[in-house]
Amino acid sequence: MELNYLLETEELFWNQRSRSDWLRDADRNTAYFHIQATNRRWKNTIYGLYNDHGCWITAKQNEFLCRSPSEEEIKSALFSIGSLKAPGPDGIVAISYQKCWAEIGSEFPIFIKEIFQNPEMIREVNDTILTLIPKGEKVKLVRDLWSIGLMNVPYKAMVKVIVNRLKSLMDQLLTPLQNAFTPGRHIHDNHTIVVEVVHSLNHLKGRPGCFALKLDLSKAYDRMEWKFLEWVHRQKGFLSLLL
């Protein structure tokens, strides 16, 4: 009982002190004012809203993502693939398609368009060779290996078309806090924020009890289970054609 009383007294003390700080510094150009303004801005920011069906992606956006690609889209996607990237099961590298575009430029886009119109055809081109690359010298467990998928160029080109379209929607799909592996953002920004937070915690005065928690997420982007990724995409409103 005595401990509860002391905790309630301490909470009341800090509550009263916070009001005192607000009355004294709320509208002044002080560090306290800027902290309050920043907190209010973060609190009032809306990152996204669900529609009546609980989806992020609208029907119009789905139509944009799933529509049959133009020849220019397909060509741009093909030529953005690394020329000498490791080939898939057919053994053909991207430079072979790029150098022979004058000869295949009329047929290659037709094939890609047919896949968009008939998704079942994807089985003809999505054969993949899984290559295991050791992370270190001693390999004992599965997690000691990187898995890299080697795919055929037509499949890569088709995926590139979808990826290029998704880029225009990334601001809606990702929160401002997601900086890693995002064009126009840098993971170093998060590192800088962490350094500043740790510095502030080390020099924090006043009410005790603050702490930082470091988490090591073993499942990176390329190790997520497909069922989970598929569920997330469906929750966001993506059509089955894109999955």
C-alpha atoms as a PDB file:
ATOM      1  CA  MET A   1       0.000   0.000   0.000  1.00  0.00           C
ATOM      2  CA  GLU A   2       2.796   2.384   0.897  1.00  0.00           C
ATOM      3  CA  LEU A   3       4.528   1.700  -2.441  1.00  0.00           C
ATOM      4  CA  ASN A   4       1.327   2.443  -4.360  1.00  0.00           C
ATOM      5  CA  TYR A   5       0.909   5.666  -2.415  1.00  0.00           C
ATOM      6  CA  LEU A   6       4.458   6.760  -3.229  1.00  0.00           C
ATOM      7  CA  LEU A   7       3.992   5.950  -6.919  1.00  0.00           C
ATOM      8  CA  GLU A   8       0.737   7.912  -7.055  1.00  0.00           C
ATOM      9  CA  THR A   9       2.398  10.830  -5.289  1.00  0.00           C
ATOM     10  CA  GLU A  10       5.294  10.813  -7.743  1.00  0.00           C
ATOM     11  CA  GLU A  11       2.897  10.660 -10.697  1.00  0.00           C
ATOM     12  CA  LEU A  12       0.906  13.589  -9.298  1.00  0.00           C
ATOM     13  CA  PHE A  13       4.127  15.574  -8.808  1.00  0.00           C
ATOM     14  CA  TRP A  14       5.239  15.133 -12.414  1.00  0.00           C
ATOM     15  CA  ASN A  15       1.738  15.845 -13.674  1.00  0.00           C
ATOM     16  CA  GLN A  16       1.647  19.146 -11.807  1.00  0.00           C
ATOM     17  CA  ARG A  17       5.169  20.004 -12.933  1.00  0.00           C
ATOM     18  CA  SER A  18       4.293  19.338 -16.577  1.00  0.00           C
ATOM     19  CA  ARG A  19       1.430  21.822 -16.288  1.00  0.00           C
ATOM     20  CA  SER A  20       3.819  24.342 -14.798  1.00  0.00           C
ATOM     21  CA  ASP A  21       6.212  23.866 -17.721  1.00  0.00           C
ATOM     22  CA  TRP A  22       3.336  24.298 -20.168  1.00  0.00           C
ATOM     23  CA  LEU A  23       2.175  27.551 -18.540  1.00  0.00           C
ATOM     24  CA  ARG A  24       5.724  28.922 -18.477  1.00  0.00           C
ATOM     25  CA  ASP A  25       7.195  27.708 -21.797  1.00  0.00           C
ATOM     26  CA  ALA A  26       4.320  26.633 -24.046  1.00  0.00           C
ATOM     27  CA  ASP A  27       4.368  29.559 -26.482  1.00  0.00           C
ATOM     28  CA  ARG A  28       8.012  30.568 -26.161  1.00  0.00           C
ATOM     29  CA  ASN A  29      10.716  29.725 -28.671  1.00  0.00           C
ATOM     30  CA  THR A  30      12.275  27.183 -26.311  1.00  0.00           C
ATOM     31  CA  ALA A  31      13.378  23.567 -26.616  1.00  0.00           C
ATOM     32  CA  TYR A  32      10.268  22.601 -24.645  1.00  0.00           C
ATOM     33  CA  PHE A  33       8.039  24.352 -27.185  1.00  0.00           C
ATOM     34  CA  HIS A  34       9.711  22.629 -30.147  1.00  0.00           C
ATOM     35  CA  ILE A  35       9.437  19.211 -28.479  1.00  0.00           C
ATOM     36  CA  GLN A  36       5.728  19.752 -27.856  1.00  0.00           C
ATOM     37  CA  ALA A  37       5.187  20.957 -31.433  1.00  0.00           C
ATOM     38  CA  THR A  38       7.029  17.946 -32.853  1.00  0.00           C
ATOM     39  CA  ASN A  39       5.074  15.502 -30.688  1.00  0.00           C
ATOM     40  CA  ARG A  40       1.784  17.094 -31.688  1.00  0.00           C
ATOM     41  CA  ARG A  41       2.712  16.951 -35.380  1.00  0.00           C
ATOM     42  CA  TRP A  42       3.567  13.236 -35.162  1.00  0.00           C
ATOM     43  CA  LYS A  43       0.392  12.536 -33.194  1.00  0.00           C
ATOM     44  CA  ASN A  44      -1.853  14.339 -35.684  1.00  0.00           C
ATOM     45  CA  THR A  45      -0.222  12.947 -38.826  1.00  0.00           C
ATOM     46  CA  ILE A  46      -2.380  10.543 -40.852  1.00  0.00           C
ATOM     47  CA  TYR A  47      -0.258   8.044 -42.763  1.00  0.00           C
ATOM     48  CA  GLY A  48      -3.162   6.348 -44.531  1.00  0.00           C
ATOM     49  CA  LEU A  49      -6.827   5.473 -44.289  1.00  0.00           C
ATOM     50  CA  TYR A  50      -8.676   2.268 -45.073  1.00  0.00           C
ATOM     51  CA  ASN A  51     -11.719   2.359 -47.306  1.00  0.00           C
ATOM     52  CA  ASP A  52     -15.075   0.797 -46.365  1.00  0.00           C
ATOM     53  CA  HIS A  53     -13.723  -2.644 -47.276  1.00  0.00           C
ATOM     54  CA  GLY A  54     -10.555  -2.292 -45.203  1.00  0.00           C
ATOM     55  CA  CYS A  55      -8.243  -1.862 -48.213  1.00  0.00           C
ATOM     56  CA  TRP A  56      -5.401   0.554 -48.891  1.00  0.00           C
ATOM     57  CA  ILE A  57      -5.305   0.094 -52.651  1.00  0.00           C
ATOM     58  CA  THR A  58      -8.212   1.533 -54.624  1.00  0.00           C
ATOM     59  CA  ALA A  59      -9.897  -0.083 -57.615  1.00  0.00           C
ATOM     60  CA  LYS A  60      -8.352   2.557 -59.870  1.00  0.00           C
ATOM     61  CA  GLN A  61      -4.864   1.790 -58.571  1.00  0.00           C
ATOM     62  CA  ASN A  62      -5.429  -1.942 -59.069  1.00  0.00           C
ATOM     63  CA  GLU A  63      -6.524  -1.261 -62.627  1.00  0.00           C
ATOM     64  CA  PHE A  64      -3.311   0.694 -63.181  1.00  0.00           C
ATOM     65  CA  LEU A  65      -1.169  -2.115 -61.743  1.00  0.00           C
ATOM     66  CA  CYS A  66      -2.878  -4.938 -63.644  1.00  0.00           C
ATOM     67  CA  ARG A  67      -3.428  -3.363 -67.043  1.00  0.00           C
ATOM     68  CA  SER A  68      -1.623  -4.768 -70.068  1.00  0.00           C
ATOM     69  CA  PRO A  69       1.803  -3.056 -70.363  1.00  0.00           C
ATOM     70  CA  SER A  70       2.812  -0.999 -73.374  1.00  0.00           C
ATOM     71  CA  GLU A  71       5.764  -1.940 -75.575  1.00  0.00           C
ATOM     72  CA  GLU A  72       7.688   1.018 -74.179  1.00  0.00           C
ATOM     73  CA  GLU A  73       7.103  -0.193 -70.611  1.00  0.00           C
ATOM     74  CA  ILE A  74       8.339  -3.670 -71.481  1.00  0.00           C
ATOM     75  CA  LYS A  75      11.396  -2.383 -73.325  1.00  0.00           C
ATOM     76  CA  SER A  76      12.292  -0.047 -70.462  1.00  0.00           C
ATOM     77  CA  ALA A  77      11.944  -2.913 -67.972  1.00  0.00           C
ATOM     78  CA  LEU A  78      14.081  -5.258 -70.077  1.00  0.00           C
ATOM     79  CA  PHE A  79      16.889  -2.748 -70.566  1.00  0.00           C
ATOM     80  CA  SER A  80      16.943  -1.909 -66.842  1.00  0.00           C
ATOM     81  CA  ILE A  81      18.011  -5.487 -66.049  1.00  0.00           C
ATOM     82  CA  GLY A  82      21.743  -5.956 -65.512  1.00  0.00           C
ATOM     83  CA  SER A  83      23.179  -7.126 -68.832  1.00  0.00           C
ATOM     84  CA  LEU A  84      25.357  -9.863 -67.374  1.00  0.00           C
ATOM     85  CA  LYS A  85      23.342 -10.821 -64.306  1.00  0.00           C
ATOM     86  CA  ALA A  86      23.353 -14.542 -63.548  1.00  0.00           C
ATOM     87  CA  PRO A  87      20.922 -16.321 -65.892  1.00  0.00           C
ATOM     88  CA  GLY A  88      18.008 -18.555 -64.969  1.00  0.00           C
ATOM     89  CA  PRO A  89      17.385 -22.189 -65.971  1.00  0.00           C
ATOM     90  CA  ASP A  90      17.434 -21.366 -69.703  1.00  0.00           C
ATOM     91  CA  GLY A  91      21.011 -20.017 -69.437  1.00  0.00           C
ATOM     92  CA  ILE A  92      20.267 -16.815 -71.404  1.00  0.00           C
ATOM     93  CA  VAL A  93      21.509 -13.518 -69.948  1.00  0.00           C
ATOM     94  CA  ALA A  94      19.723 -10.196 -70.423  1.00  0.00           C
ATOM     95  CA  ILE A  95      22.296  -8.811 -72.851  1.00  0.00           C
ATOM     96  CA  SER A  96      21.217 -11.417 -75.402  1.00  0.00           C
ATOM     97  CA  TYR A  97      17.714  -9.950 -75.463  1.00  0.00           C
ATOM     98  CA  GLN A  98      18.986  -6.370 -75.353  1.00  0.00           C
ATOM     99  CA  LYS A  99      21.440  -6.760 -78.235  1.00  0.00           C
ATOM    100  CA  CYS A 100      18.836  -8.578 -80.351  1.00  0.00           C
ATOM    101  CA  TRP A 101      15.980  -6.181 -79.659  1.00  0.00           C
ATOM    102  CA  ALA A 102      15.735  -5.248 -83.338  1.00  0.00           C
ATOM    103  CA  GLU A 103      14.922  -8.877 -84.111  1.00  0.00           C
ATOM    104  CA  ILE A 104      12.730  -9.759 -81.091  1.00  0.00           C
ATOM    105  CA  GLY A 105      11.240  -6.328 -80.368  1.00  0.00           C
ATOM    106  CA  SER A 106       7.953  -7.241 -82.018  1.00  0.00           C
ATOM    107  CA  GLU A 107       7.505 -10.679 -80.389  1.00  0.00           C
ATOM    108  CA  PHE A 108       8.884 -10.219 -76.864  1.00  0.00           C
ATOM    109  CA  PRO A 109       6.279  -7.585 -75.823  1.00  0.00           C
ATOM    110  CA  ILE A 110       3.462  -9.762 -77.198  1.00  0.00           C
ATOM    111  CA  PHE A 111       4.581 -12.638 -74.970  1.00  0.00           C
ATOM    112  CA  ILE A 112       4.704 -10.430 -71.859  1.00  0.00           C
ATOM    113  CA  LYS A 113       1.270  -8.983 -72.634  1.00  0.00           C
ATOM    114  CA  GLU A 114      -0.179 -12.472 -72.970  1.00  0.00           C
ATOM    115  CA  ILE A 115       1.031 -13.287 -69.457  1.00  0.00           C
ATOM    116  CA  PHE A 116      -0.792 -10.248 -68.066  1.00  0.00           C
ATOM    117  CA  GLN A 117      -3.959 -11.283 -69.889  1.00  0.00           C
ATOM    118  CA  ASN A 118      -3.623 -14.950 -68.890  1.00  0.00           C
ATOM    119  CA  PRO A 119      -1.790 -15.247 -65.517  1.00  0.00           C
ATOM    120  CA  GLU A 120      -1.732 -19.054 -65.776  1.00  0.00           C
ATOM    121  CA  MET A 121       0.988 -18.671 -68.425  1.00  0.00           C
ATOM    122  CA  ILE A 122       3.366 -17.496 -65.703  1.00  0.00           C
ATOM    123  CA  ARG A 123       4.180 -21.154 -65.029  1.00  0.00           C
ATOM    124  CA  GLU A 124       5.968 -21.251 -68.382  1.00  0.00           C
ATOM    125  CA  VAL A 125       8.564 -18.654 -67.380  1.00  0.00           C
ATOM    126  CA  ASN A 126       8.885 -18.626 -63.590  1.00  0.00           C
ATOM    127  CA  ASP A 127      11.192 -21.629 -63.248  1.00  0.00           C
ATOM    128  CA  THR A 128      13.854 -20.688 -60.723  1.00  0.00           C
ATOM    129  CA  ILE A 129      17.231 -22.040 -59.683  1.00  0.00           C
ATOM    130  CA  LEU A 130      17.826 -21.594 -55.953  1.00  0.00           C
ATOM    131  CA  THR A 131      21.484 -21.051 -55.137  1.00  0.00           C
ATOM    132  CA  LEU A 132      22.769 -21.230 -51.557  1.00  0.00           C
ATOM    133  CA  ILE A 133      25.601 -18.827 -50.706  1.00  0.00           C
ATOM    134  CA  PRO A 134      27.477 -19.310 -47.381  1.00  0.00           C
ATOM    135  CA  LYS A 135      27.438 -16.277 -45.091  1.00  0.00           C
ATOM    136  CA  GLY A 136      30.710 -17.306 -43.482  1.00  0.00           C
ATOM    137  CA  GLU A 137      33.370 -19.983 -43.461  1.00  0.00           C
ATOM    138  CA  LYS A 138      31.520 -22.449 -41.222  1.00  0.00           C
ATOM    139  CA  VAL A 139      28.098 -23.588 -42.389  1.00  0.00           C
ATOM    140  CA  LYS A 140      26.098 -25.716 -39.956  1.00  0.00           C
ATOM    141  CA  LEU A 141      22.545 -24.372 -40.039  1.00  0.00           C
ATOM    142  CA  VAL A 142      20.124 -23.246 -42.724  1.00  0.00           C
ATOM    143  CA  ARG A 143      20.334 -19.667 -41.476  1.00  0.00           C
ATOM    144  CA  ASP A 144      24.064 -19.714 -42.268  1.00  0.00           C
ATOM    145  CA  LEU A 145      23.191 -19.591 -45.970  1.00  0.00           C
ATOM    146  CA  TRP A 146      21.835 -16.902 -48.252  1.00  0.00           C
ATOM    147  CA  SER A 147      19.270 -18.158 -50.769  1.00  0.00           C
ATOM    148  CA  ILE A 148      19.394 -16.452 -54.173  1.00  0.00           C
ATOM    149  CA  GLY A 149      16.833 -17.152 -56.884  1.00  0.00           C
ATOM    150  CA  LEU A 150      18.071 -17.193 -60.492  1.00  0.00           C
ATOM    151  CA  MET A 151      15.177 -16.492 -62.875  1.00  0.00           C
ATOM    152  CA  ASN A 152      14.744 -16.299 -66.632  1.00  0.00           C
ATOM    153  CA  VAL A 153      14.865 -12.882 -68.301  1.00  0.00           C
ATOM    154  CA  PRO A 154      11.200 -12.787 -69.483  1.00  0.00           C
ATOM    155  CA  TYR A 155      10.062 -13.308 -65.894  1.00  0.00           C
ATOM    156  CA  LYS A 156      12.442 -10.600 -64.667  1.00  0.00           C
ATOM    157  CA  ALA A 157      11.108  -8.184 -67.286  1.00  0.00           C
ATOM    158  CA  MET A 158       7.512  -8.858 -66.268  1.00  0.00           C
ATOM    159  CA  VAL A 159       8.347  -8.315 -62.595  1.00  0.00           C
ATOM    160  CA  LYS A 160      10.202  -5.104 -63.477  1.00  0.00           C
ATOM    161  CA  VAL A 161       7.069  -3.758 -65.148  1.00  0.00           C
ATOM    162  CA  ILE A 162       5.061  -4.332 -61.958  1.00  0.00           C
ATOM    163  CA  VAL A 163       7.833  -2.926 -59.749  1.00  0.00           C
ATOM    164  CA  ASN A 164       8.075   0.245 -61.839  1.00  0.00           C
ATOM    165  CA  ARG A 165       4.334   0.728 -61.456  1.00  0.00           C
ATOM    166  CA  LEU A 166       4.456   0.098 -57.715  1.00  0.00           C
ATOM    167  CA  LYS A 167       7.051   2.839 -57.272  1.00  0.00           C
ATOM    168  CA  SER A 168       4.363   5.464 -57.814  1.00  0.00           C
ATOM    169  CA  LEU A 169       2.384   4.001 -54.879  1.00  0.00           C
ATOM    170  CA  MET A 170       5.212   3.513 -52.395  1.00  0.00           C
ATOM    171  CA  ASP A 171       4.402   6.685 -50.444  1.00  0.00           C
ATOM    172  CA  GLN A 172       0.978   5.211 -49.681  1.00  0.00           C
ATOM    173  CA  LEU A 173       2.210   1.689 -48.922  1.00  0.00           C
ATOM    174  CA  LEU A 174       5.123   2.628 -46.655  1.00  0.00           C
ATOM    175  CA  THR A 175       5.128   4.882 -43.629  1.00  0.00           C
ATOM    176  CA  PRO A 176       7.659   7.738 -43.390  1.00  0.00           C
ATOM    177  CA  LEU A 177       9.533   5.637 -40.808  1.00  0.00           C
ATOM    178  CA  GLN A 178      10.485   2.980 -43.399  1.00  0.00           C
ATOM    179  CA  ASN A 179      13.805   4.096 -44.868  1.00  0.00           C
ATOM    180  CA  ALA A 180      15.610   0.860 -45.733  1.00  0.00           C
ATOM    181  CA  PHE A 181      15.523  -0.373 -49.340  1.00  0.00           C
ATOM    182  CA  THR A 182      13.260   2.517 -50.396  1.00  0.00           C
ATOM    183  CA  PRO A 183      14.182   4.819 -53.322  1.00  0.00           C
ATOM    184  CA  GLY A 184      14.771   8.386 -52.196  1.00  0.00           C
ATOM    185  CA  ARG A 185      15.264   7.377 -48.563  1.00  0.00           C
ATOM    186  CA  HIS A 186      18.356   6.350 -46.648  1.00  0.00           C
ATOM    187  CA  ILE A 187      18.708   3.858 -43.810  1.00  0.00           C
ATOM    188  CA  HIS A 188      21.411   6.139 -42.365  1.00  0.00           C
ATOM    189  CA  ASP A 189      18.644   8.575 -41.364  1.00  0.00           C
ATOM    190  CA  ASN A 190      17.286   6.009 -38.909  1.00  0.00           C
ATOM    191  CA  HIS A 191      20.790   5.374 -37.597  1.00  0.00           C
ATOM    192  CA  THR A 192      21.225   9.095 -36.948  1.00  0.00           C
ATOM    193  CA  ILE A 193      17.928   9.235 -35.065  1.00  0.00           C
ATOM    194  CA  VAL A 194      18.935   6.252 -32.910  1.00  0.00           C
ATOM    195  CA  VAL A 195      22.245   7.916 -32.026  1.00  0.00           C
ATOM    196  CA  GLU A 196      20.418  11.097 -31.008  1.00  0.00           C
ATOM    197  CA  VAL A 197      17.877   9.163 -28.934  1.00  0.00           C
ATOM    198  CA  VAL A 198      20.603   7.219 -27.106  1.00  0.00           C
ATOM    199  CA  HIS A 199      22.459  10.467 -26.463  1.00  0.00           C
ATOM    200  CA  SER A 200      19.291  12.029 -25.048  1.00  0.00           C
ATOM    201  CA  LEU A 201      18.633   9.017 -22.809  1.00  0.00           C
ATOM    202  CA  ASN A 202      22.174   9.175 -21.438  1.00  0.00           C
ATOM    203  CA  HIS A 203      21.701  12.830 -20.509  1.00  0.00           C
ATOM    204  CA  LEU A 204      18.064  12.622 -19.444  1.00  0.00           C
ATOM    205  CA  LYS A 205      17.212  14.307 -16.172  1.00  0.00           C
ATOM    206  CA  GLY A 206      14.010  14.038 -14.214  1.00  0.00           C
ATOM    207  CA  ARG A 207      11.577  11.179 -13.966  1.00  0.00           C
ATOM    208  CA  PRO A 208      13.369   7.805 -14.112  1.00  0.00           C
ATOM    209  CA  GLY A 209      12.223   4.775 -16.062  1.00  0.00           C
ATOM    210  CA  CYS A 210      13.235   5.413 -19.704  1.00  0.00           C
ATOM    211  CA  PHE A 211      14.957   2.641 -21.624  1.00  0.00           C
ATOM    212  CA  ALA A 212      15.830   1.617 -25.187  1.00  0.00           C
ATOM    213  CA  LEU A 213      15.198  -1.834 -26.638  1.00  0.00           C
ATOM    214  CA  LYS A 214      17.371  -3.225 -29.424  1.00  0.00           C
ATOM    215  CA  LEU A 215      15.712  -5.914 -31.538  1.00  0.00           C
ATOM    216  CA  ASP A 216      17.468  -8.188 -34.006  1.00  0.00           C
ATOM    217  CA  LEU A 217      14.904  -9.234 -36.618  1.00  0.00           C
ATOM    218  CA  SER A 218      16.203 -12.477 -38.079  1.00  0.00           C
ATOM    219  CA  LYS A 219      13.601 -12.606 -40.854  1.00  0.00           C
ATOM    220  CA  ALA A 220      14.676 -10.003 -43.371  1.00  0.00           C
ATOM    221  CA  TYR A 221      12.761  -9.056 -46.514  1.00  0.00           C
ATOM    222  CA  ASP A 222      14.004 -12.005 -48.538  1.00  0.00           C
ATOM    223  CA  ARG A 223      13.198 -14.551 -45.815  1.00  0.00           C
ATOM    224  CA  MET A 224       9.543 -13.805 -45.129  1.00  0.00           C
ATOM    225  CA  GLU A 225       7.142 -16.702 -45.573  1.00  0.00           C
ATOM    226  CA  TRP A 226       5.124 -16.457 -48.767  1.00  0.00           C
ATOM    227  CA  LYS A 227       1.829 -17.055 -46.927  1.00  0.00           C
ATOM    228  CA  PHE A 228       2.503 -14.022 -44.747  1.00  0.00           C
ATOM    229  CA  LEU A 229       3.463 -11.813 -47.704  1.00  0.00           C
ATOM    230  CA  GLU A 230       0.393 -12.936 -49.624  1.00  0.00           C
ATOM    231  CA  TRP A 231      -1.854 -12.211 -46.632  1.00  0.00           C
ATOM    232  CA  VAL A 232      -0.391  -8.699 -46.229  1.00  0.00           C
ATOM    233  CA  HIS A 233      -0.897  -7.902 -49.913  1.00  0.00           C
ATOM    234  CA  ARG A 234      -4.479  -9.124 -49.819  1.00  0.00           C
ATOM    235  CA  GLN A 235      -5.170  -7.041 -46.711  1.00  0.00           C
ATOM    236  CA  LYS A 236      -3.881  -3.976 -48.541  1.00  0.00           C
ATOM    237  CA  GLY A 237      -6.248  -4.679 -51.412  1.00  0.00           C
ATOM    238  CA  PHE A 238      -3.998  -6.084 -54.154  1.00  0.00           C
ATOM    239  CA  LEU A 239      -5.734  -8.292 -56.712  1.00  0.00           C
ATOM    240  CA  SER A 240      -4.812 -11.965 -57.119  1.00  0.00           C
ATOM    241  CA  LEU A 241      -3.270 -11.204 -60.525  1.00  0.00           C
ATOM    242  CA  LEU A 242      -0.369  -9.466 -58.791  1.00  0.00           C
ATOM    243  CA  LEU A 243       0.212 -12.317 -56.342  1.00  0.00           C
END
